N, C-alpha and C. Protein backbone atom coordinates (compact mmCIF):
# COMPACT_ATOMS: atom_id res chain seq x y z
N UNK A 1 96.24 27.39 51.58
CA UNK A 1 94.95 27.98 51.38
C UNK A 1 95.10 29.48 51.60
N UNK A 2 94.65 30.25 50.64
CA UNK A 2 94.76 31.70 50.81
C UNK A 2 93.46 32.24 51.40
N UNK A 3 93.43 33.52 51.67
CA UNK A 3 92.31 34.18 52.33
C UNK A 3 91.02 34.05 51.51
N UNK A 4 91.12 34.14 50.19
CA UNK A 4 89.94 34.05 49.33
C UNK A 4 89.33 32.65 49.41
N UNK A 5 90.16 31.62 49.44
CA UNK A 5 89.65 30.25 49.53
C UNK A 5 88.97 30.01 50.87
N UNK A 6 89.55 30.55 51.96
CA UNK A 6 88.94 30.41 53.28
C UNK A 6 87.57 31.09 53.29
N UNK A 7 87.50 32.28 52.73
CA UNK A 7 86.25 33.03 52.67
C UNK A 7 85.19 32.27 51.89
N UNK A 8 85.55 31.67 50.78
CA UNK A 8 84.60 30.91 49.96
C UNK A 8 84.13 29.65 50.69
N UNK A 9 85.04 28.98 51.40
CA UNK A 9 84.66 27.75 52.09
C UNK A 9 83.77 28.04 53.29
N UNK A 10 83.82 29.25 53.83
CA UNK A 10 83.01 29.61 54.99
C UNK A 10 81.62 30.11 54.60
N UNK A 11 81.44 30.42 53.33
CA UNK A 11 80.13 30.90 52.89
C UNK A 11 79.13 29.76 52.94
N UNK A 12 77.97 30.08 53.42
CA UNK A 12 76.90 29.10 53.48
C UNK A 12 75.81 29.61 52.56
N UNK A 13 75.32 28.75 51.72
CA UNK A 13 74.31 29.24 50.78
C UNK A 13 72.97 29.48 51.50
N UNK A 14 72.12 30.24 50.84
CA UNK A 14 70.84 30.62 51.43
C UNK A 14 69.98 29.41 51.77
N UNK A 15 70.10 28.36 50.99
CA UNK A 15 69.32 27.15 51.23
C UNK A 15 69.68 26.53 52.58
N UNK A 16 70.96 26.50 52.89
CA UNK A 16 71.41 25.95 54.16
C UNK A 16 70.97 26.83 55.33
N UNK A 17 71.05 28.15 55.14
CA UNK A 17 70.60 29.07 56.19
C UNK A 17 69.09 28.93 56.41
N UNK A 18 68.33 28.75 55.34
CA UNK A 18 66.90 28.54 55.47
C UNK A 18 66.62 27.25 56.25
N UNK A 19 67.40 26.22 56.00
CA UNK A 19 67.25 24.95 56.70
C UNK A 19 67.52 25.13 58.20
N UNK A 20 68.60 25.86 58.51
CA UNK A 20 68.94 26.13 59.91
C UNK A 20 67.84 26.96 60.57
N UNK A 21 67.35 27.95 59.87
CA UNK A 21 66.28 28.79 60.37
C UNK A 21 65.03 27.96 60.67
N UNK A 22 64.70 27.03 59.80
CA UNK A 22 63.54 26.16 60.00
C UNK A 22 63.70 25.30 61.25
N UNK A 23 64.91 24.76 61.44
CA UNK A 23 65.16 23.94 62.62
C UNK A 23 65.02 24.77 63.90
N UNK A 24 65.54 25.99 63.87
CA UNK A 24 65.44 26.87 65.04
C UNK A 24 63.98 27.22 65.32
N UNK A 25 63.23 27.49 64.26
CA UNK A 25 61.80 27.80 64.43
C UNK A 25 61.08 26.60 65.02
N UNK A 26 61.40 25.40 64.55
CA UNK A 26 60.78 24.18 65.07
C UNK A 26 61.10 24.01 66.56
N UNK A 27 62.34 24.29 66.94
CA UNK A 27 62.72 24.18 68.35
C UNK A 27 61.93 25.17 69.21
N UNK A 28 61.80 26.40 68.75
CA UNK A 28 61.03 27.41 69.50
C UNK A 28 59.56 26.99 69.64
N UNK A 29 59.00 26.40 68.58
CA UNK A 29 57.62 25.91 68.64
C UNK A 29 57.48 24.80 69.68
N UNK A 30 58.47 23.91 69.72
CA UNK A 30 58.45 22.82 70.70
C UNK A 30 58.55 23.36 72.12
N UNK A 31 59.40 24.36 72.32
CA UNK A 31 59.53 24.97 73.64
C UNK A 31 58.20 25.61 74.07
N UNK A 32 57.54 26.27 73.14
CA UNK A 32 56.25 26.89 73.44
C UNK A 32 55.21 25.81 73.76
N UNK A 33 55.23 24.71 73.00
CA UNK A 33 54.29 23.62 73.24
C UNK A 33 54.53 23.02 74.62
N UNK A 34 55.78 22.84 75.00
CA UNK A 34 56.11 22.29 76.32
C UNK A 34 55.61 23.22 77.41
N UNK A 35 55.83 24.52 77.25
CA UNK A 35 55.37 25.49 78.25
C UNK A 35 53.85 25.43 78.39
N UNK A 36 53.14 25.33 77.26
CA UNK A 36 51.67 25.23 77.30
C UNK A 36 51.22 23.95 77.98
N UNK A 37 51.88 22.83 77.67
CA UNK A 37 51.52 21.55 78.28
C UNK A 37 51.79 21.57 79.79
N UNK A 38 52.90 22.18 80.19
CA UNK A 38 53.21 22.29 81.62
C UNK A 38 52.14 23.11 82.34
N UNK A 39 51.67 24.17 81.71
CA UNK A 39 50.61 25.00 82.31
C UNK A 39 49.31 24.21 82.39
N UNK A 40 48.99 23.43 81.33
CA UNK A 40 47.78 22.61 81.35
C UNK A 40 47.87 21.55 82.45
N UNK A 41 49.05 20.96 82.63
CA UNK A 41 49.25 19.95 83.67
C UNK A 41 49.06 20.58 85.05
N UNK A 42 49.62 21.75 85.24
CA UNK A 42 49.48 22.46 86.51
C UNK A 42 48.00 22.72 86.81
N UNK A 43 47.26 23.17 85.82
CA UNK A 43 45.82 23.44 85.97
C UNK A 43 45.06 22.15 86.28
N UNK A 44 45.39 21.07 85.57
CA UNK A 44 44.72 19.78 85.78
C UNK A 44 44.99 19.24 87.18
N UNK A 45 46.24 19.38 87.66
CA UNK A 45 46.58 18.91 89.01
C UNK A 45 45.83 19.70 90.07
N UNK A 46 45.68 21.00 89.87
CA UNK A 46 44.95 21.83 90.83
C UNK A 46 43.47 21.44 90.84
N UNK A 47 42.90 21.17 89.67
CA UNK A 47 41.50 20.75 89.59
C UNK A 47 41.31 19.41 90.30
N UNK A 48 42.24 18.47 90.08
CA UNK A 48 42.18 17.17 90.74
C UNK A 48 42.32 17.32 92.25
N UNK A 49 43.19 18.21 92.71
CA UNK A 49 43.38 18.45 94.14
C UNK A 49 42.08 18.97 94.77
N UNK A 50 41.43 19.92 94.10
CA UNK A 50 40.17 20.47 94.63
C UNK A 50 39.08 19.39 94.69
N UNK A 51 39.02 18.54 93.68
CA UNK A 51 38.05 17.45 93.70
C UNK A 51 38.34 16.50 94.86
N UNK A 52 39.61 16.12 95.01
CA UNK A 52 40.02 15.15 96.02
C UNK A 52 39.92 15.69 97.44
N UNK A 53 40.30 16.96 97.63
CA UNK A 53 40.38 17.50 98.99
C UNK A 53 39.20 18.38 99.40
N UNK A 54 38.40 18.80 98.44
CA UNK A 54 37.31 19.71 98.78
C UNK A 54 35.95 19.19 98.32
N UNK A 55 35.75 19.13 97.02
CA UNK A 55 34.41 18.88 96.49
C UNK A 55 33.86 17.50 96.86
N UNK A 56 34.64 16.44 96.64
CA UNK A 56 34.15 15.10 96.96
C UNK A 56 34.00 14.91 98.48
N UNK A 57 35.00 15.29 99.30
CA UNK A 57 34.80 15.16 100.75
C UNK A 57 33.59 15.97 101.26
N UNK A 58 33.39 17.16 100.71
CA UNK A 58 32.23 17.96 101.12
C UNK A 58 30.93 17.26 100.77
N UNK A 59 30.85 16.70 99.58
CA UNK A 59 29.63 16.00 99.15
C UNK A 59 29.43 14.73 99.99
N UNK A 60 30.50 14.00 100.24
CA UNK A 60 30.40 12.79 101.07
C UNK A 60 29.93 13.17 102.48
N UNK A 61 30.48 14.24 103.03
CA UNK A 61 30.09 14.70 104.36
C UNK A 61 28.61 15.10 104.36
N UNK A 62 28.21 15.80 103.32
CA UNK A 62 26.81 16.23 103.17
C UNK A 62 25.87 15.02 103.16
N UNK A 63 26.33 13.94 102.53
CA UNK A 63 25.53 12.72 102.44
C UNK A 63 25.68 11.82 103.67
N UNK A 64 26.65 12.16 104.54
CA UNK A 64 26.86 11.38 105.76
C UNK A 64 27.72 10.15 105.59
N UNK A 65 28.59 10.13 104.58
CA UNK A 65 29.45 8.98 104.33
C UNK A 65 30.93 9.36 104.48
N UNK A 66 31.72 8.39 104.98
CA UNK A 66 33.17 8.55 104.92
C UNK A 66 33.75 7.56 103.92
N UNK A 67 32.94 6.54 103.58
CA UNK A 67 33.31 5.63 102.50
C UNK A 67 32.03 5.03 101.92
N UNK A 68 32.11 4.65 100.68
CA UNK A 68 30.93 4.14 99.98
C UNK A 68 31.39 3.34 98.77
N UNK A 69 30.58 2.38 98.36
CA UNK A 69 30.85 1.66 97.11
C UNK A 69 29.73 2.02 96.14
N UNK A 70 30.12 2.50 94.97
CA UNK A 70 29.15 2.90 93.96
C UNK A 70 28.61 1.68 93.21
N UNK A 71 27.49 1.84 92.53
CA UNK A 71 26.90 0.77 91.73
C UNK A 71 27.88 0.25 90.69
N UNK A 72 28.76 1.13 90.22
CA UNK A 72 29.72 0.77 89.17
C UNK A 72 30.95 0.04 89.73
N UNK A 73 30.99 -0.15 91.06
CA UNK A 73 32.06 -0.93 91.67
C UNK A 73 33.19 -0.13 92.29
N UNK A 74 33.27 1.17 92.05
CA UNK A 74 34.34 1.97 92.64
C UNK A 74 34.10 2.13 94.13
N UNK A 75 35.18 1.96 94.90
CA UNK A 75 35.13 2.16 96.35
C UNK A 75 35.75 3.53 96.64
N UNK A 76 34.95 4.37 97.28
CA UNK A 76 35.39 5.73 97.56
C UNK A 76 35.57 5.87 99.06
N UNK A 77 36.71 6.41 99.45
CA UNK A 77 37.00 6.59 100.87
C UNK A 77 37.63 7.96 101.09
N UNK A 78 37.21 8.60 102.16
CA UNK A 78 37.77 9.89 102.54
C UNK A 78 38.63 9.65 103.77
N UNK A 79 39.89 10.03 103.69
CA UNK A 79 40.83 9.86 104.80
C UNK A 79 41.54 11.18 105.06
N UNK A 80 41.91 11.41 106.30
CA UNK A 80 42.69 12.62 106.59
C UNK A 80 44.07 12.52 105.94
N UNK A 81 44.56 13.64 105.48
CA UNK A 81 45.88 13.75 104.85
C UNK A 81 46.66 14.79 105.65
N UNK A 82 47.88 14.45 106.03
CA UNK A 82 48.72 15.35 106.82
C UNK A 82 50.00 15.67 106.06
N UNK A 83 50.40 16.90 106.15
CA UNK A 83 51.66 17.32 105.55
C UNK A 83 52.29 18.36 106.46
N UNK A 84 53.61 18.36 106.53
CA UNK A 84 54.30 19.34 107.35
C UNK A 84 55.72 19.52 106.81
N UNK A 85 56.19 20.75 106.84
CA UNK A 85 57.56 21.05 106.43
C UNK A 85 57.96 22.32 107.16
N UNK A 86 59.03 22.23 107.91
CA UNK A 86 59.49 23.38 108.68
C UNK A 86 60.05 24.42 107.72
N UNK A 87 59.47 25.64 107.71
CA UNK A 87 59.99 26.69 106.83
C UNK A 87 61.44 27.03 107.22
N UNK A 88 62.26 27.30 106.23
CA UNK A 88 63.69 27.56 106.47
C UNK A 88 63.91 28.68 107.48
N UNK A 89 63.07 29.69 107.45
CA UNK A 89 63.28 30.82 108.36
C UNK A 89 62.71 30.56 109.76
N UNK A 90 62.13 29.38 109.99
CA UNK A 90 61.54 29.06 111.30
C UNK A 90 62.21 27.85 111.95
N UNK A 91 63.31 27.36 111.38
CA UNK A 91 63.95 26.14 111.88
C UNK A 91 64.35 26.27 113.35
N UNK A 92 65.04 27.36 113.70
CA UNK A 92 65.49 27.52 115.09
C UNK A 92 64.31 27.53 116.06
N UNK A 93 63.27 28.29 115.73
CA UNK A 93 62.10 28.38 116.60
C UNK A 93 61.39 27.04 116.70
N UNK A 94 61.28 26.33 115.57
CA UNK A 94 60.61 25.02 115.56
C UNK A 94 61.39 24.02 116.41
N UNK A 95 62.71 24.00 116.27
CA UNK A 95 63.52 23.09 117.07
C UNK A 95 63.42 23.44 118.55
N UNK A 96 63.42 24.72 118.86
CA UNK A 96 63.30 25.14 120.26
C UNK A 96 61.95 24.70 120.82
N UNK A 97 60.88 24.84 120.04
CA UNK A 97 59.55 24.41 120.48
C UNK A 97 59.55 22.91 120.75
N UNK A 98 60.15 22.14 119.85
CA UNK A 98 60.21 20.68 120.04
C UNK A 98 60.95 20.34 121.33
N UNK A 99 62.08 21.00 121.55
CA UNK A 99 62.86 20.73 122.77
C UNK A 99 62.07 21.14 124.02
N UNK A 100 61.45 22.31 123.98
CA UNK A 100 60.70 22.82 125.13
C UNK A 100 59.47 21.98 125.44
N UNK A 101 58.97 21.26 124.46
CA UNK A 101 57.76 20.48 124.63
C UNK A 101 58.02 18.97 124.67
N UNK A 102 59.23 18.60 125.05
CA UNK A 102 59.56 17.19 125.23
C UNK A 102 59.64 16.37 123.96
N UNK A 103 59.84 17.04 122.82
CA UNK A 103 59.91 16.34 121.54
C UNK A 103 61.28 16.50 120.87
N UNK A 104 62.28 16.88 121.65
CA UNK A 104 63.62 17.10 121.11
C UNK A 104 64.22 15.87 120.47
N UNK A 105 63.72 14.70 120.84
CA UNK A 105 64.27 13.49 120.24
C UNK A 105 63.86 13.31 118.78
N UNK A 106 62.98 14.17 118.27
CA UNK A 106 62.65 14.14 116.83
C UNK A 106 63.79 14.75 116.00
N UNK A 107 64.62 15.54 116.65
CA UNK A 107 65.71 16.25 115.95
C UNK A 107 66.93 15.34 115.87
N UNK A 108 67.46 15.22 114.67
CA UNK A 108 68.70 14.46 114.48
C UNK A 108 69.85 15.43 114.31
N UNK A 109 70.99 15.08 114.86
CA UNK A 109 72.22 15.87 114.72
C UNK A 109 73.20 15.06 113.89
N UNK A 110 73.76 15.66 112.85
CA UNK A 110 74.77 14.99 112.03
C UNK A 110 76.08 15.75 112.13
N UNK A 111 77.11 15.05 112.61
CA UNK A 111 78.45 15.59 112.72
C UNK A 111 79.38 14.53 112.15
N UNK A 112 79.45 14.47 110.85
CA UNK A 112 80.18 13.44 110.12
C UNK A 112 79.85 12.03 110.60
N UNK A 113 79.18 11.94 111.69
CA UNK A 113 78.57 10.71 112.18
C UNK A 113 77.09 11.03 112.29
N UNK A 114 76.25 10.04 112.16
CA UNK A 114 74.82 10.30 112.32
C UNK A 114 74.41 9.88 113.73
N UNK A 115 73.81 10.83 114.44
CA UNK A 115 73.33 10.57 115.79
C UNK A 115 71.85 10.31 115.74
N UNK A 116 71.38 9.42 116.58
CA UNK A 116 69.97 9.07 116.62
C UNK A 116 69.12 10.16 117.23
N UNK A 117 67.84 9.91 117.19
CA UNK A 117 66.87 10.89 117.64
C UNK A 117 67.06 11.27 119.10
N UNK A 118 67.47 10.35 119.93
CA UNK A 118 67.57 10.63 121.36
C UNK A 118 68.99 10.96 121.81
N UNK A 119 69.89 11.22 120.87
CA UNK A 119 71.28 11.48 121.20
C UNK A 119 71.67 12.94 121.00
N UNK A 120 70.73 13.83 121.16
CA UNK A 120 70.94 15.26 120.94
C UNK A 120 72.07 15.81 121.82
N UNK A 121 72.04 15.49 123.10
CA UNK A 121 73.05 16.02 124.03
C UNK A 121 74.45 15.47 123.72
N UNK A 122 74.54 14.20 123.36
CA UNK A 122 75.83 13.60 123.01
C UNK A 122 76.43 14.29 121.79
N UNK A 123 75.61 14.56 120.80
CA UNK A 123 76.09 15.22 119.57
C UNK A 123 76.65 16.59 119.89
N UNK A 124 75.92 17.36 120.68
CA UNK A 124 76.39 18.70 121.03
C UNK A 124 77.69 18.64 121.82
N UNK A 125 77.82 17.70 122.73
CA UNK A 125 79.03 17.58 123.54
C UNK A 125 80.24 17.24 122.67
N UNK A 126 80.05 16.33 121.72
CA UNK A 126 81.16 15.94 120.84
C UNK A 126 81.55 17.10 119.94
N UNK A 127 80.57 17.81 119.38
CA UNK A 127 80.86 18.97 118.54
C UNK A 127 81.64 20.02 119.33
N UNK A 128 81.17 20.32 120.54
CA UNK A 128 81.87 21.31 121.38
C UNK A 128 83.30 20.86 121.68
N UNK A 129 83.46 19.59 122.02
CA UNK A 129 84.78 19.06 122.34
C UNK A 129 85.72 19.16 121.12
N UNK A 130 85.21 18.78 119.95
CA UNK A 130 86.04 18.84 118.74
C UNK A 130 86.38 20.28 118.38
N UNK A 131 85.43 21.19 118.51
CA UNK A 131 85.71 22.60 118.22
C UNK A 131 86.73 23.17 119.19
N UNK A 132 86.61 22.78 120.46
CA UNK A 132 87.59 23.25 121.46
C UNK A 132 89.00 22.76 121.15
N UNK A 133 89.08 21.64 120.45
CA UNK A 133 90.38 21.09 120.05
C UNK A 133 90.85 21.69 118.73
N UNK A 134 90.09 22.65 118.17
CA UNK A 134 90.49 23.33 116.95
C UNK A 134 90.04 22.69 115.66
N UNK A 135 89.17 21.71 115.72
CA UNK A 135 88.67 21.06 114.51
C UNK A 135 87.52 21.87 113.91
N UNK A 136 87.50 21.90 112.58
CA UNK A 136 86.42 22.56 111.87
C UNK A 136 85.30 21.53 111.69
N UNK A 137 84.30 21.62 112.54
CA UNK A 137 83.23 20.62 112.57
C UNK A 137 81.99 21.18 111.91
N UNK A 138 81.42 20.38 111.04
CA UNK A 138 80.15 20.75 110.42
C UNK A 138 79.05 19.97 111.11
N UNK A 139 78.08 20.70 111.64
CA UNK A 139 76.97 20.08 112.34
C UNK A 139 75.68 20.39 111.62
N UNK A 140 74.87 19.38 111.38
CA UNK A 140 73.57 19.57 110.73
C UNK A 140 72.51 18.96 111.62
N UNK A 141 71.52 19.77 111.97
CA UNK A 141 70.39 19.28 112.73
C UNK A 141 69.19 19.24 111.79
N UNK A 142 68.38 18.19 111.90
CA UNK A 142 67.21 18.11 111.04
C UNK A 142 66.18 17.18 111.66
N UNK A 143 64.96 17.35 111.18
CA UNK A 143 63.87 16.43 111.50
C UNK A 143 63.49 15.79 110.18
N UNK A 144 63.53 14.48 110.14
CA UNK A 144 63.19 13.77 108.92
C UNK A 144 61.75 14.10 108.51
N UNK A 145 61.49 14.34 107.22
CA UNK A 145 60.14 14.71 106.78
C UNK A 145 59.05 13.72 107.19
N UNK A 146 59.30 12.44 107.06
CA UNK A 146 58.29 11.44 107.41
C UNK A 146 58.08 11.40 108.92
N UNK A 147 59.13 11.65 109.69
CA UNK A 147 59.01 11.70 111.15
C UNK A 147 58.15 12.89 111.55
N UNK A 148 58.38 14.04 110.91
CA UNK A 148 57.59 15.23 111.20
C UNK A 148 56.13 15.01 110.84
N UNK A 149 55.88 14.43 109.69
CA UNK A 149 54.51 14.15 109.25
C UNK A 149 53.81 13.22 110.24
N UNK A 150 54.49 12.17 110.68
CA UNK A 150 53.92 11.23 111.65
C UNK A 150 53.64 11.92 112.98
N UNK A 151 54.55 12.78 113.39
CA UNK A 151 54.38 13.54 114.64
C UNK A 151 53.14 14.42 114.55
N UNK A 152 52.98 15.14 113.45
CA UNK A 152 51.83 16.03 113.26
C UNK A 152 50.53 15.21 113.28
N UNK A 153 50.51 14.09 112.57
CA UNK A 153 49.32 13.24 112.55
C UNK A 153 48.99 12.74 113.95
N UNK A 154 50.00 12.24 114.65
CA UNK A 154 49.81 11.71 116.01
C UNK A 154 49.27 12.77 116.96
N UNK A 155 49.88 13.95 116.95
CA UNK A 155 49.45 15.01 117.85
C UNK A 155 48.04 15.49 117.52
N UNK A 156 47.74 15.60 116.23
CA UNK A 156 46.41 16.05 115.81
C UNK A 156 45.35 15.03 116.22
N UNK A 157 45.64 13.76 116.00
CA UNK A 157 44.67 12.72 116.35
C UNK A 157 44.47 12.61 117.86
N UNK A 158 45.48 13.00 118.65
CA UNK A 158 45.35 13.01 120.11
C UNK A 158 44.66 14.28 120.60
N UNK A 159 44.44 15.23 119.70
CA UNK A 159 43.81 16.49 120.09
C UNK A 159 44.80 17.49 120.67
N UNK A 160 46.09 17.23 120.52
CA UNK A 160 47.13 18.13 121.02
C UNK A 160 47.36 19.24 120.01
N UNK A 161 47.55 20.45 120.50
CA UNK A 161 47.78 21.54 119.55
C UNK A 161 49.28 21.74 119.34
N UNK A 162 49.64 22.01 118.11
CA UNK A 162 51.02 22.32 117.75
C UNK A 162 50.98 23.58 116.89
N UNK A 163 52.03 24.40 116.97
CA UNK A 163 52.02 25.65 116.18
C UNK A 163 52.18 25.37 114.68
N UNK A 164 51.10 25.54 113.95
CA UNK A 164 51.09 25.25 112.52
C UNK A 164 52.11 26.08 111.75
N UNK A 165 52.31 27.34 112.16
CA UNK A 165 53.23 28.20 111.43
C UNK A 165 54.68 27.72 111.55
N UNK A 166 55.04 27.12 112.68
CA UNK A 166 56.41 26.63 112.86
C UNK A 166 56.68 25.37 112.04
N UNK A 167 55.63 24.59 111.83
CA UNK A 167 55.82 23.30 111.19
C UNK A 167 55.18 23.19 109.81
N UNK A 168 54.69 24.29 109.27
CA UNK A 168 54.10 24.28 107.94
C UNK A 168 53.03 23.22 107.80
N UNK A 169 52.17 23.11 108.79
CA UNK A 169 51.18 22.05 108.83
C UNK A 169 50.07 22.29 107.80
N UNK A 170 49.75 21.24 107.08
CA UNK A 170 48.63 21.24 106.14
C UNK A 170 47.85 19.97 106.38
N UNK A 171 46.58 20.13 106.73
CA UNK A 171 45.73 18.97 106.98
C UNK A 171 44.49 19.10 106.09
N UNK A 172 44.17 18.03 105.41
CA UNK A 172 42.99 18.02 104.55
C UNK A 172 42.45 16.60 104.50
N UNK A 173 41.22 16.48 104.06
CA UNK A 173 40.68 15.17 103.75
C UNK A 173 41.05 14.88 102.32
N UNK A 174 41.37 13.63 102.06
CA UNK A 174 41.77 13.25 100.71
C UNK A 174 40.94 12.06 100.26
N UNK A 175 40.50 12.11 99.02
CA UNK A 175 39.66 11.07 98.45
C UNK A 175 40.53 10.02 97.77
N UNK A 176 40.22 8.76 98.07
CA UNK A 176 40.83 7.67 97.31
C UNK A 176 39.71 6.90 96.63
N UNK A 177 39.93 6.55 95.38
CA UNK A 177 38.96 5.79 94.62
C UNK A 177 39.66 4.53 94.11
N UNK A 178 39.10 3.39 94.49
CA UNK A 178 39.65 2.11 94.05
C UNK A 178 38.63 1.46 93.14
N UNK A 179 39.12 0.99 92.00
CA UNK A 179 38.23 0.31 91.04
C UNK A 179 38.16 -1.16 91.34
């Protein structure tokens, strides 16, 4: 095959380029449609959150109800909702607060073995011992998300105060509707 034959075989006619262009345009349109739908979903979720956590609980409170059954059969109930997540930049302070306030057993230590909630001191001793022997030990301390959420709910319901900023506490009333 000479250079001229290669050049001719590489040429694409205008019809094929138009076809490729159409496919690319279609893809861009789909990407735009997806972006618009994602924005609509985000807006719809925020509207649903406000209804569930603000407007309906406020109206129920105004009417003096925490649960009610409508004529149409739907059962509406307002329940407290708890959420908590320790911000990455507050982990050390949050863990120190837990330890200082007798809640250190909520913290788990992982050193290639998983230590239980109440084995904090054992984990540290083993890590120190292994490091002193020259081993490269990776230690991870964490509070399980569901454990933290349960702790926040328990303390709040007991009337105990906890630092919201350390634990990213979010408490709201949430509406459930059962048909």
